[in-house]
Amino acid sequence: MSLNRSEQMVHDYLQANPDEQRHWQGVVRATAERERDPHAAAAALDHDLWAYYQERAGVVSPFREEAAREGLRRISMRNLAEYLLRLWGPARKRPAGQPPARPYA
């Protein structure tokens, strides 16, 4: 999965701050439970992650520096949202009779 620079910054920040990571694990799980459709869950998380980025840009480096350079125009957080859902969301069940996904060759 390829993350844009802003998504990568959020991901790295969560990895470096265990309290923030635990909070977002809970948000991801709650969103996945509330929004049964994975696309709707990713869209909701995209919105929440962007709001988080904006909030962090006011108080935390390197978000503050990035916002000073680039401004706070809307940046997609969809790839990060989808990645976090796969990482922390509930395991998806395959329909009966469907073989497991094959890894990339």
PDB file of N, CA and C in Angstrom:
ATOM      1  N   MET A   1       0.850  -1.171   0.000  1.00  0.00           N
ATOM      2  CA  MET A   1       0.000   0.000   0.000  1.00  0.00           C
ATOM      3  C   MET A   1       0.893   1.230   0.000  1.00  0.00           C
ATOM      4  N   SER A   2       0.513   2.188  -0.786  1.00  0.00           N
ATOM      5  CA  SER A   2       1.274   3.431  -0.883  1.00  0.00           C
ATOM      6  C   SER A   2       0.501   4.552  -0.189  1.00  0.00           C
ATOM      7  N   LEU A   3       1.149   5.184   0.772  1.00  0.00           N
ATOM      8  CA  LEU A   3       0.530   6.294   1.493  1.00  0.00           C
ATOM      9  C   LEU A   3       1.107   7.602   0.990  1.00  0.00           C
ATOM     10  N   ASN A   4       0.280   8.649   0.936  1.00  0.00           N
ATOM     11  CA  ASN A   4       0.822   9.959   0.579  1.00  0.00           C
ATOM     12  C   ASN A   4       1.609  10.494   1.781  1.00  0.00           C
ATOM     13  N   ARG A   5       2.306  11.584   1.591  1.00  0.00           N
ATOM     14  CA  ARG A   5       3.200  12.119   2.622  1.00  0.00           C
ATOM     15  C   ARG A   5       2.456  12.418   3.928  1.00  0.00           C
ATOM     16  N   SER A   6       1.281  12.968   3.822  1.00  0.00           N
ATOM     17  CA  SER A   6       0.502  13.306   5.017  1.00  0.00           C
ATOM     18  C   SER A   6       0.009  12.053   5.733  1.00  0.00           C
ATOM     19  N   GLU A   7      -0.447  11.080   4.975  1.00  0.00           N
ATOM     20  CA  GLU A   7      -0.877   9.817   5.573  1.00  0.00           C
ATOM     21  C   GLU A   7       0.295   9.138   6.282  1.00  0.00           C
ATOM     22  N   GLN A   8       1.449   9.160   5.636  1.00  0.00           N
ATOM     23  CA  GLN A   8       2.629   8.542   6.235  1.00  0.00           C
ATOM     24  C   GLN A   8       3.012   9.245   7.534  1.00  0.00           C
ATOM     25  N   MET A   9       2.865  10.564   7.564  1.00  0.00           N
ATOM     26  CA  MET A   9       3.173  11.328   8.764  1.00  0.00           C
ATOM     27  C   MET A   9       2.250  10.918   9.912  1.00  0.00           C
ATOM     28  N   VAL A  10       0.967  10.770   9.628  1.00  0.00           N
ATOM     29  CA  VAL A  10       0.018  10.342  10.652  1.00  0.00           C
ATOM     30  C   VAL A  10       0.368   8.929  11.120  1.00  0.00           C
ATOM     31  N   HIS A  11       0.630   8.039  10.188  1.00  0.00           N
ATOM     32  CA  HIS A  11       0.985   6.660  10.536  1.00  0.00           C
ATOM     33  C   HIS A  11       2.222   6.624  11.426  1.00  0.00           C
ATOM     34  N   ASP A  12       3.259   7.344  11.046  1.00  0.00           N
ATOM     35  CA  ASP A  12       4.494   7.363  11.831  1.00  0.00           C
ATOM     36  C   ASP A  12       4.254   7.952  13.222  1.00  0.00           C
ATOM     37  N   TYR A  13       3.423   8.980  13.288  1.00  0.00           N
ATOM     38  CA  TYR A  13       3.098   9.603  14.570  1.00  0.00           C
ATOM     39  C   TYR A  13       2.376   8.613  15.480  1.00  0.00           C
ATOM     40  N   LEU A  14       1.437   7.863  14.925  1.00  0.00           N
ATOM     41  CA  LEU A  14       0.720   6.868  15.722  1.00  0.00           C
ATOM     42  C   LEU A  14       1.666   5.776  16.211  1.00  0.00           C
ATOM     43  N   GLN A  15       2.593   5.369  15.362  1.00  0.00           N
ATOM     44  CA  GLN A  15       3.556   4.341  15.751  1.00  0.00           C
ATOM     45  C   GLN A  15       4.466   4.824  16.884  1.00  0.00           C
ATOM     46  N   ALA A  16       4.790   6.100  16.884  1.00  0.00           N
ATOM     47  CA  ALA A  16       5.702   6.663  17.882  1.00  0.00           C
ATOM     48  C   ALA A  16       5.005   7.053  19.183  1.00  0.00           C
ATOM     49  N   ASN A  17       3.683   7.080  19.199  1.00  0.00           N
ATOM     50  CA  ASN A  17       2.922   7.513  20.375  1.00  0.00           C
ATOM     51  C   ASN A  17       1.891   6.445  20.748  1.00  0.00           C
ATOM     52  N   PRO A  18       2.267   5.536  21.646  1.00  0.00           N
ATOM     53  CA  PRO A  18       1.383   4.403  21.975  1.00  0.00           C
ATOM     54  C   PRO A  18      -0.013   4.798  22.455  1.00  0.00           C
ATOM     55  N   ASP A  19      -0.128   5.892  23.211  1.00  0.00           N
ATOM     56  CA  ASP A  19      -1.457   6.315  23.665  1.00  0.00           C
ATOM     57  C   ASP A  19      -2.337   6.707  22.489  1.00  0.00           C
ATOM     58  N   GLU A  20      -1.767   7.442  21.554  1.00  0.00           N
ATOM     59  CA  GLU A  20      -2.514   7.833  20.352  1.00  0.00           C
ATOM     60  C   GLU A  20      -2.871   6.598  19.530  1.00  0.00           C
ATOM     61  N   GLN A  21      -1.940   5.664  19.424  1.00  0.00           N
ATOM     62  CA  GLN A  21      -2.193   4.442  18.662  1.00  0.00           C
ATOM     63  C   GLN A  21      -3.344   3.649  19.280  1.00  0.00           C
ATOM     64  N   ARG A  22      -3.339   3.491  20.600  1.00  0.00           N
ATOM     65  CA  ARG A  22      -4.439   2.771  21.256  1.00  0.00           C
ATOM     66  C   ARG A  22      -5.777   3.466  21.024  1.00  0.00           C
ATOM     67  N   HIS A  23      -5.763   4.792  21.105  1.00  0.00           N
ATOM     68  CA  HIS A  23      -6.997   5.543  20.839  1.00  0.00           C
ATOM     69  C   HIS A  23      -7.504   5.234  19.430  1.00  0.00           C
ATOM     70  N   TRP A  24      -6.626   5.295  18.437  1.00  0.00           N
ATOM     71  CA  TRP A  24      -7.045   5.075  17.061  1.00  0.00           C
ATOM     72  C   TRP A  24      -7.412   3.624  16.788  1.00  0.00           C
ATOM     73  N   GLN A  25      -6.802   2.694  17.494  1.00  0.00           N
ATOM     74  CA  GLN A  25      -7.234   1.302  17.353  1.00  0.00           C
ATOM     75  C   GLN A  25      -8.698   1.181  17.766  1.00  0.00           C
ATOM     76  N   GLY A  26      -9.059   1.843  18.855  1.00  0.00           N
ATOM     77  CA  GLY A  26     -10.452   1.839  19.295  1.00  0.00           C
ATOM     78  C   GLY A  26     -11.378   2.518  18.309  1.00  0.00           C
ATOM     79  N   VAL A  27     -10.934   3.639  17.751  1.00  0.00           N
ATOM     80  CA  VAL A  27     -11.751   4.360  16.764  1.00  0.00           C
ATOM     81  C   VAL A  27     -11.972   3.483  15.532  1.00  0.00           C
ATOM     82  N   VAL A  28     -10.913   2.832  15.074  1.00  0.00           N
ATOM     83  CA  VAL A  28     -11.021   1.974  13.883  1.00  0.00           C
ATOM     84  C   VAL A  28     -11.987   0.827  14.151  1.00  0.00           C
ATOM     85  N   ARG A  29     -11.849   0.177  15.285  1.00  0.00           N
ATOM     86  CA  ARG A  29     -12.742  -0.951  15.610  1.00  0.00           C
ATOM     87  C   ARG A  29     -14.192  -0.503  15.739  1.00  0.00           C
ATOM     88  N   ALA A  30     -14.402   0.618  16.412  1.00  0.00           N
ATOM     89  CA  ALA A  30     -15.770   1.128  16.581  1.00  0.00           C
ATOM     90  C   ALA A  30     -16.382   1.511  15.234  1.00  0.00           C
ATOM     91  N   THR A  31     -15.591   2.124  14.379  1.00  0.00           N
ATOM     92  CA  THR A  31     -16.085   2.514  13.057  1.00  0.00           C
ATOM     93  C   THR A  31     -16.421   1.290  12.229  1.00  0.00           C
ATOM     94  N   ALA A  32     -15.565   0.275  12.283  1.00  0.00           N
ATOM     95  CA  ALA A  32     -15.811  -0.959  11.528  1.00  0.00           C
ATOM     96  C   ALA A  32     -17.077  -1.662  12.012  1.00  0.00           C
ATOM     97  N   GLU A  33     -17.338  -1.603  13.307  1.00  0.00           N
ATOM     98  CA  GLU A  33     -18.561  -2.224  13.841  1.00  0.00           C
ATOM     99  C   GLU A  33     -19.801  -1.424  13.463  1.00  0.00           C
ATOM    100  N   ARG A  34     -19.678  -0.096  13.495  1.00  0.00           N
ATOM    101  CA  ARG A  34     -20.817   0.782  13.183  1.00  0.00           C
ATOM    102  C   ARG A  34     -21.139   0.747  11.693  1.00  0.00           C
ATOM    103  N   GLU A  35     -20.117   0.780  10.876  1.00  0.00           N
ATOM    104  CA  GLU A  35     -20.272   0.800   9.415  1.00  0.00           C
ATOM    105  C   GLU A  35     -19.916  -0.582   8.873  1.00  0.00           C
ATOM    106  N   ARG A  36     -20.889  -1.400   8.666  1.00  0.00           N
ATOM    107  CA  ARG A  36     -20.629  -2.774   8.208  1.00  0.00           C
ATOM    108  C   ARG A  36     -20.001  -2.822   6.817  1.00  0.00           C
ATOM    109  N   ASP A  37     -20.327  -1.859   5.983  1.00  0.00           N
ATOM    110  CA  ASP A  37     -19.758  -1.807   4.635  1.00  0.00           C
ATOM    111  C   ASP A  37     -18.331  -1.264   4.731  1.00  0.00           C
ATOM    112  N   PRO A  38     -17.319  -2.007   4.251  1.00  0.00           N
ATOM    113  CA  PRO A  38     -15.937  -1.545   4.363  1.00  0.00           C
ATOM    114  C   PRO A  38     -15.687  -0.208   3.674  1.00  0.00           C
ATOM    115  N   HIS A  39     -16.408   0.066   2.589  1.00  0.00           N
ATOM    116  CA  HIS A  39     -16.230   1.343   1.889  1.00  0.00           C
ATOM    117  C   HIS A  39     -16.751   2.507   2.734  1.00  0.00           C
ATOM    118  N   ALA A  40     -17.886   2.294   3.388  1.00  0.00           N
ATOM    119  CA  ALA A  40     -18.439   3.328   4.265  1.00  0.00           C
ATOM    120  C   ALA A  40     -17.536   3.545   5.475  1.00  0.00           C
ATOM    121  N   ALA A  41     -16.980   2.461   6.005  1.00  0.00           N
ATOM    122  CA  ALA A  41     -16.062   2.579   7.145  1.00  0.00           C
ATOM    123  C   ALA A  41     -14.813   3.353   6.745  1.00  0.00           C
ATOM    124  N   ALA A  42     -14.270   3.063   5.571  1.00  0.00           N
ATOM    125  CA  ALA A  42     -13.079   3.776   5.102  1.00  0.00           C
ATOM    126  C   ALA A  42     -13.382   5.254   4.882  1.00  0.00           C
ATOM    127  N   ALA A  43     -14.559   5.564   4.348  1.00  0.00           N
ATOM    128  CA  ALA A  43     -14.930   6.967   4.129  1.00  0.00           C
ATOM    129  C   ALA A  43     -15.072   7.705   5.465  1.00  0.00           C
ATOM    130  N   ALA A  44     -15.669   7.052   6.447  1.00  0.00           N
ATOM    131  CA  ALA A  44     -15.820   7.676   7.765  1.00  0.00           C
ATOM    132  C   ALA A  44     -14.463   7.903   8.417  1.00  0.00           C
ATOM    133  N   LEU A  45     -13.577   6.915   8.321  1.00  0.00           N
ATOM    134  CA  LEU A  45     -12.239   7.069   8.893  1.00  0.00           C
ATOM    135  C   LEU A  45     -11.427   8.125   8.147  1.00  0.00           C
ATOM    136  N   ASP A  46     -11.600   8.206   6.838  1.00  0.00           N
ATOM    137  CA  ASP A  46     -10.931   9.236   6.049  1.00  0.00           C
ATOM    138  C   ASP A  46     -11.273  10.612   6.622  1.00  0.00           C
ATOM    139  N   HIS A  47     -12.542  10.830   6.891  1.00  0.00           N
ATOM    140  CA  HIS A  47     -13.010  12.100   7.460  1.00  0.00           C
ATOM    141  C   HIS A  47     -12.395  12.328   8.842  1.00  0.00           C
ATOM    142  N   ASP A  48     -12.429  11.306   9.697  1.00  0.00           N
ATOM    143  CA  ASP A  48     -11.898  11.431  11.059  1.00  0.00           C
ATOM    144  C   ASP A  48     -10.388  11.651  11.063  1.00  0.00           C
ATOM    145  N   LEU A  49      -9.677  10.959  10.188  1.00  0.00           N
ATOM    146  CA  LEU A  49      -8.221  11.120  10.120  1.00  0.00           C
ATOM    147  C   LEU A  49      -7.840  12.512   9.627  1.00  0.00           C
ATOM    148  N   TRP A  50      -8.610  13.059   8.679  1.00  0.00           N
ATOM    149  CA  TRP A  50      -8.328  14.417   8.211  1.00  0.00           C
ATOM    150  C   TRP A  50      -8.548  15.427   9.342  1.00  0.00           C
ATOM    151  N   ALA A  51      -9.621  15.259  10.097  1.00  0.00           N
ATOM    152  CA  ALA A  51      -9.870  16.153  11.234  1.00  0.00           C
ATOM    153  C   ALA A  51      -8.744  16.043  12.259  1.00  0.00           C
ATOM    154  N   TYR A  52      -8.247  14.844  12.468  1.00  0.00           N
ATOM    155  CA  TYR A  52      -7.128  14.621  13.390  1.00  0.00           C
ATOM    156  C   TYR A  52      -5.865  15.320  12.877  1.00  0.00           C
ATOM    157  N   TYR A  53      -5.597  15.196  11.592  1.00  0.00           N
ATOM    158  CA  TYR A  53      -4.435  15.858  10.984  1.00  0.00           C
ATOM    159  C   TYR A  53      -4.526  17.371  11.198  1.00  0.00           C
ATOM    160  N   GLN A  54      -5.696  17.940  10.961  1.00  0.00           N
ATOM    161  CA  GLN A  54      -5.877  19.380  11.151  1.00  0.00           C
ATOM    162  C   GLN A  54      -5.643  19.774  12.608  1.00  0.00           C
ATOM    163  N   GLU A  55      -6.151  18.987  13.535  1.00  0.00           N
ATOM    164  CA  GLU A  55      -5.975  19.282  14.957  1.00  0.00           C
ATOM    165  C   GLU A  55      -4.501  19.203  15.336  1.00  0.00           C
ATOM    166  N   ARG A  56      -3.828  18.166  14.893  1.00  0.00           N
ATOM    167  CA  ARG A  56      -2.401  17.997  15.200  1.00  0.00           C
ATOM    168  C   ARG A  56      -1.564  19.106  14.560  1.00  0.00           C
ATOM    169  N   ALA A  57      -1.993  19.613  13.416  1.00  0.00           N
ATOM    170  CA  ALA A  57      -1.241  20.675  12.726  1.00  0.00           C
ATOM    171  C   ALA A  57      -1.183  21.952  13.547  1.00  0.00           C
ATOM    172  N   GLY A  58      -2.092  22.118  14.472  1.00  0.00           N
ATOM    173  CA  GLY A  58      -2.079  23.303  15.308  1.00  0.00           C
ATOM    174  C   GLY A  58      -1.154  23.205  16.505  1.00  0.00           C
ATOM    175  N   VAL A  59      -0.744  21.975  16.853  1.00  0.00           N
ATOM    176  CA  VAL A  59      -0.015  21.829  18.113  1.00  0.00           C
ATOM    177  C   VAL A  59       1.244  20.968  18.078  1.00  0.00           C
ATOM    178  N   VAL A  60       1.433  20.154  17.052  1.00  0.00           N
ATOM    179  CA  VAL A  60       2.517  19.174  17.072  1.00  0.00           C
ATOM    180  C   VAL A  60       3.400  19.292  15.838  1.00  0.00           C
ATOM    181  N   SER A  61       4.712  19.296  16.094  1.00  0.00           N
ATOM    182  CA  SER A  61       5.670  19.165  15.011  1.00  0.00           C
ATOM    183  C   SER A  61       5.715  17.683  14.659  1.00  0.00           C
ATOM    184  N   PRO A  62       5.837  17.251  13.451  1.00  0.00           N
ATOM    185  CA  PRO A  62       6.083  17.940  12.191  1.00  0.00           C
ATOM    186  C   PRO A  62       4.815  18.390  11.462  1.00  0.00           C
ATOM    187  N   PHE A  63       3.646  18.108  12.033  1.00  0.00           N
ATOM    188  CA  PHE A  63       2.397  18.522  11.393  1.00  0.00           C
ATOM    189  C   PHE A  63       2.349  20.042  11.214  1.00  0.00           C
ATOM    190  N   ARG A  64       2.770  20.749  12.238  1.00  0.00           N
ATOM    191  CA  ARG A  64       2.729  22.213  12.204  1.00  0.00           C
ATOM    192  C   ARG A  64       3.594  22.738  11.064  1.00  0.00           C
ATOM    193  N   GLU A  65       4.804  22.197  10.917  1.00  0.00           N
ATOM    194  CA  GLU A  65       5.709  22.648   9.850  1.00  0.00           C
ATOM    195  C   GLU A  65       5.149  22.318   8.461  1.00  0.00           C
ATOM    196  N   GLU A  66       4.581  21.138   8.340  1.00  0.00           N
ATOM    197  CA  GLU A  66       3.988  20.741   7.056  1.00  0.00           C
ATOM    198  C   GLU A  66       2.827  21.666   6.690  1.00  0.00           C
ATOM    199  N   ALA A  67       1.987  21.990   7.664  1.00  0.00           N
ATOM    200  CA  ALA A  67       0.857  22.890   7.414  1.00  0.00           C
ATOM    201  C   ALA A  67       1.351  24.290   7.064  1.00  0.00           C
ATOM    202  N   ALA A  68       2.441  24.730   7.699  1.00  0.00           N
ATOM    203  CA  ALA A  68       2.988  26.054   7.380  1.00  0.00           C
ATOM    204  C   ALA A  68       3.510  26.092   5.945  1.00  0.00           C
ATOM    205  N   ARG A  69       4.108  24.997   5.492  1.00  0.00           N
ATOM    206  CA  ARG A  69       4.633  24.930   4.120  1.00  0.00           C
ATOM    207  C   ARG A  69       3.536  24.751   3.078  1.00  0.00           C
ATOM    208  N   GLU A  70       2.636  23.809   3.352  1.00  0.00           N
ATOM    209  CA  GLU A  70       1.669  23.385   2.338  1.00  0.00           C
ATOM    210  C   GLU A  70       0.261  23.953   2.539  1.00  0.00           C
ATOM    211  N   GLY A  71      -0.015  24.496   3.708  1.00  0.00           N
ATOM    212  CA  GLY A  71      -1.373  24.924   4.014  1.00  0.00           C
ATOM    213  C   GLY A  71      -2.203  23.740   4.477  1.00  0.00           C
ATOM    214  N   LEU A  72      -3.465  23.985   4.764  1.00  0.00           N
ATOM    215  CA  LEU A  72      -4.342  22.915   5.238  1.00  0.00           C
ATOM    216  C   LEU A  72      -5.452  22.607   4.237  1.00  0.00           C
ATOM    217  N   ARG A  73      -5.109  22.564   2.977  1.00  0.00           N
ATOM    218  CA  ARG A  73      -6.116  22.150   1.995  1.00  0.00           C
ATOM    219  C   ARG A  73      -6.390  20.659   2.180  1.00  0.00           C
ATOM    220  N   ARG A  74      -7.574  20.251   1.884  1.00  0.00           N
ATOM    221  CA  ARG A  74      -8.028  18.868   2.138  1.00  0.00           C
ATOM    222  C   ARG A  74      -7.124  17.866   1.449  1.00  0.00           C
ATOM    223  N   ILE A  75      -6.653  16.901   2.225  1.00  0.00           N
ATOM    224  CA  ILE A  75      -5.800  15.830   1.722  1.00  0.00           C
ATOM    225  C   ILE A  75      -6.510  14.516   2.007  1.00  0.00           C
ATOM    226  N   SER A  76      -6.532  13.643   1.036  1.00  0.00           N
ATOM    227  CA  SER A  76      -7.171  12.348   1.227  1.00  0.00           C
ATOM    228  C   SER A  76      -6.399  11.508   2.243  1.00  0.00           C
ATOM    229  N   MET A  77      -7.128  10.886   3.134  1.00  0.00           N
ATOM    230  CA  MET A  77      -6.570   9.946   4.094  1.00  0.00           C
ATOM    231  C   MET A  77      -7.164   8.554   3.857  1.00  0.00           C
ATOM    232  N   ARG A  78      -7.703   8.353   2.650  1.00  0.00           N
ATOM    233  CA  ARG A  78      -8.414   7.115   2.336  1.00  0.00           C
ATOM    234  C   ARG A  78      -7.504   5.891   2.367  1.00  0.00           C
ATOM    235  N   ASN A  79      -6.290   5.994   1.806  1.00  0.00           N
ATOM    236  CA  ASN A  79      -5.395   4.838   1.825  1.00  0.00           C
ATOM    237  C   ASN A  79      -5.024   4.455   3.248  1.00  0.00           C
ATOM    238  N   LEU A  80      -4.758   5.449   4.086  1.00  0.00           N
ATOM    239  CA  LEU A  80      -4.434   5.172   5.483  1.00  0.00           C
ATOM    240  C   LEU A  80      -5.646   4.562   6.185  1.00  0.00           C
ATOM    241  N   ALA A  81      -6.816   5.066   5.917  1.00  0.00           N
ATOM    242  CA  ALA A  81      -8.038   4.527   6.522  1.00  0.00           C
ATOM    243  C   ALA A  81      -8.204   3.050   6.159  1.00  0.00           C
ATOM    244  N   GLU A  82      -8.032   2.723   4.894  1.00  0.00           N
ATOM    245  CA  GLU A  82      -8.173   1.331   4.452  1.00  0.00           C
ATOM    246  C   GLU A  82      -7.102   0.443   5.080  1.00  0.00           C
ATOM    247  N   TYR A  83      -5.884   0.967   5.173  1.00  0.00           N
ATOM    248  CA  TYR A  83      -4.794   0.214   5.782  1.00  0.00           C
ATOM    249  C   TYR A  83      -5.091  -0.059   7.268  1.00  0.00           C
ATOM    250  N   LEU A  84      -5.525   0.951   7.995  1.00  0.00           N
ATOM    251  CA  LEU A  84      -5.814   0.780   9.416  1.00  0.00           C
ATOM    252  C   LEU A  84      -6.980  -0.175   9.639  1.00  0.00           C
ATOM    253  N   LEU A  85      -7.961  -0.145   8.749  1.00  0.00           N
ATOM    254  CA  LEU A  85      -9.064  -1.106   8.857  1.00  0.00           C
ATOM    255  C   LEU A  85      -8.559  -2.536   8.681  1.00  0.00           C
ATOM    256  N   ARG A  86      -7.649  -2.741   7.734  1.00  0.00           N
ATOM    257  CA  ARG A  86      -7.083  -4.079   7.556  1.00  0.00           C
ATOM    258  C   ARG A  86      -6.216  -4.485   8.739  1.00  0.00           C
ATOM    259  N   LEU A  87      -5.499  -3.522   9.281  1.00  0.00           N
ATOM    260  CA  LEU A  87      -4.565  -3.791  10.366  1.00  0.00           C
ATOM    261  C   LEU A  87      -5.285  -4.020  11.701  1.00  0.00           C
ATOM    262  N   TRP A  88      -6.243  -3.155  12.041  1.00  0.00           N
ATOM    263  CA  TRP A  88      -6.861  -3.163  13.363  1.00  0.00           C
ATOM    264  C   TRP A  88      -8.334  -3.529  13.368  1.00  0.00           C
ATOM    265  N   GLY A  89      -8.957  -3.569  12.220  1.00  0.00           N
ATOM    266  CA  GLY A  89     -10.383  -3.879  12.170  1.00  0.00           C
ATOM    267  C   GLY A  89     -10.639  -5.360  12.390  1.00  0.00           C
ATOM    268  N   PRO A  90     -11.892  -5.720  12.482  1.00  0.00           N
ATOM    269  CA  PRO A  90     -12.232  -7.135  12.686  1.00  0.00           C
ATOM    270  C   PRO A  90     -11.871  -7.946  11.444  1.00  0.00           C
ATOM    271  N   ALA A  91     -11.539  -9.200  11.679  1.00  0.00           N
ATOM    272  CA  ALA A  91     -11.228 -10.086  10.557  1.00  0.00           C
ATOM    273  C   ALA A  91     -12.491 -10.284   9.726  1.00  0.00           C
ATOM    274  N   ARG A  92     -12.334 -10.205   8.426  1.00  0.00           N
ATOM    275  CA  ARG A  92     -13.480 -10.417   7.537  1.00  0.00           C
ATOM    276  C   ARG A  92     -13.640 -11.904   7.289  1.00  0.00           C
ATOM    277  N   LYS A  93     -14.872 -12.346   7.304  1.00  0.00           N
ATOM    278  CA  LYS A  93     -15.157 -13.757   7.052  1.00  0.00           C
ATOM    279  C   LYS A  93     -15.436 -13.952   5.568  1.00  0.00           C
ATOM    280  N   ARG A  94     -14.885 -15.038   5.035  1.00  0.00           N
ATOM    281  CA  ARG A  94     -15.157 -15.378   3.639  1.00  0.00           C
ATOM    282  C   ARG A  94     -16.491 -16.108   3.560  1.00  0.00           C
ATOM    283  N   PRO A  95     -17.221 -15.865   2.500  1.00  0.00           N
ATOM    284  CA  PRO A  95     -18.446 -16.642   2.305  1.00  0.00           C
ATOM    285  C   PRO A  95     -18.099 -18.124   2.172  1.00  0.00           C
ATOM    286  N   ALA A  96     -19.004 -18.983   2.606  1.00  0.00           N
ATOM    287  CA  ALA A  96     -18.774 -20.431   2.538  1.00  0.00           C
ATOM    288  C   ALA A  96     -18.436 -20.846   1.115  1.00  0.00           C
ATOM    289  N   GLY A  97     -17.438 -21.684   0.994  1.00  0.00           N
ATOM    290  CA  GLY A  97     -17.034 -22.201  -0.319  1.00  0.00           C
ATOM    291  C   GLY A  97     -16.063 -21.325  -1.075  1.00  0.00           C
ATOM    292  N   GLN A  98     -15.764 -20.140  -0.578  1.00  0.00           N
ATOM    293  CA  GLN A  98     -14.826 -19.259  -1.272  1.00  0.00           C
ATOM    294  C   GLN A  98     -13.411 -19.605  -0.806  1.00  0.00           C
ATOM    295  N   PRO A  99     -12.496 -19.852  -1.752  1.00  0.00           N
ATOM    296  CA  PRO A  99     -11.121 -20.196  -1.352  1.00  0.00           C
ATOM    297  C   PRO A  99     -10.407 -18.968  -0.779  1.00  0.00           C
ATOM    298  N   PRO A 100      -9.356 -19.203   0.013  1.00  0.00           N
ATOM    299  CA  PRO A 100      -8.590 -18.067   0.549  1.00  0.00           C
ATOM    300  C   PRO A 100      -7.951 -17.272  -0.577  1.00  0.00           C
ATOM    301  N   ALA A 101      -7.733 -15.985  -0.309  1.00  0.00           N
ATOM    302  CA  ALA A 101      -7.093 -15.131  -1.295  1.00  0.00           C
ATOM    303  C   ALA A 101      -5.675 -15.609  -1.531  1.00  0.00           C
ATOM    304  N   ARG A 102      -5.266 -15.579  -2.782  1.00  0.00           N
ATOM    305  CA  ARG A 102      -3.892 -15.995  -3.117  1.00  0.00           C
ATOM    306  C   ARG A 102      -2.963 -14.797  -2.942  1.00  0.00           C
ATOM    307  N   PRO A 103      -1.804 -15.028  -2.370  1.00  0.00           N
ATOM    308  CA  PRO A 103      -0.840 -13.915  -2.251  1.00  0.00           C
ATOM    309  C   PRO A 103      -0.346 -13.505  -3.626  1.00  0.00           C
ATOM    310  N   TYR A 104       0.140 -12.290  -3.713  1.00  0.00           N
ATOM    311  CA  TYR A 104       0.683 -11.814  -4.974  1.00  0.00           C
ATOM    312  C   TYR A 104       1.892 -12.650  -5.364  1.00  0.00           C
ATOM    313  N   ALA A 105       2.006 -12.916  -6.628  1.00  0.00           N
ATOM    314  CA  ALA A 105       3.140 -13.725  -7.112  1.00  0.00           C
ATOM    315  C   ALA A 105       4.279 -12.837  -7.520  1.00  0.00           C
TER     316      ALA A 105
END
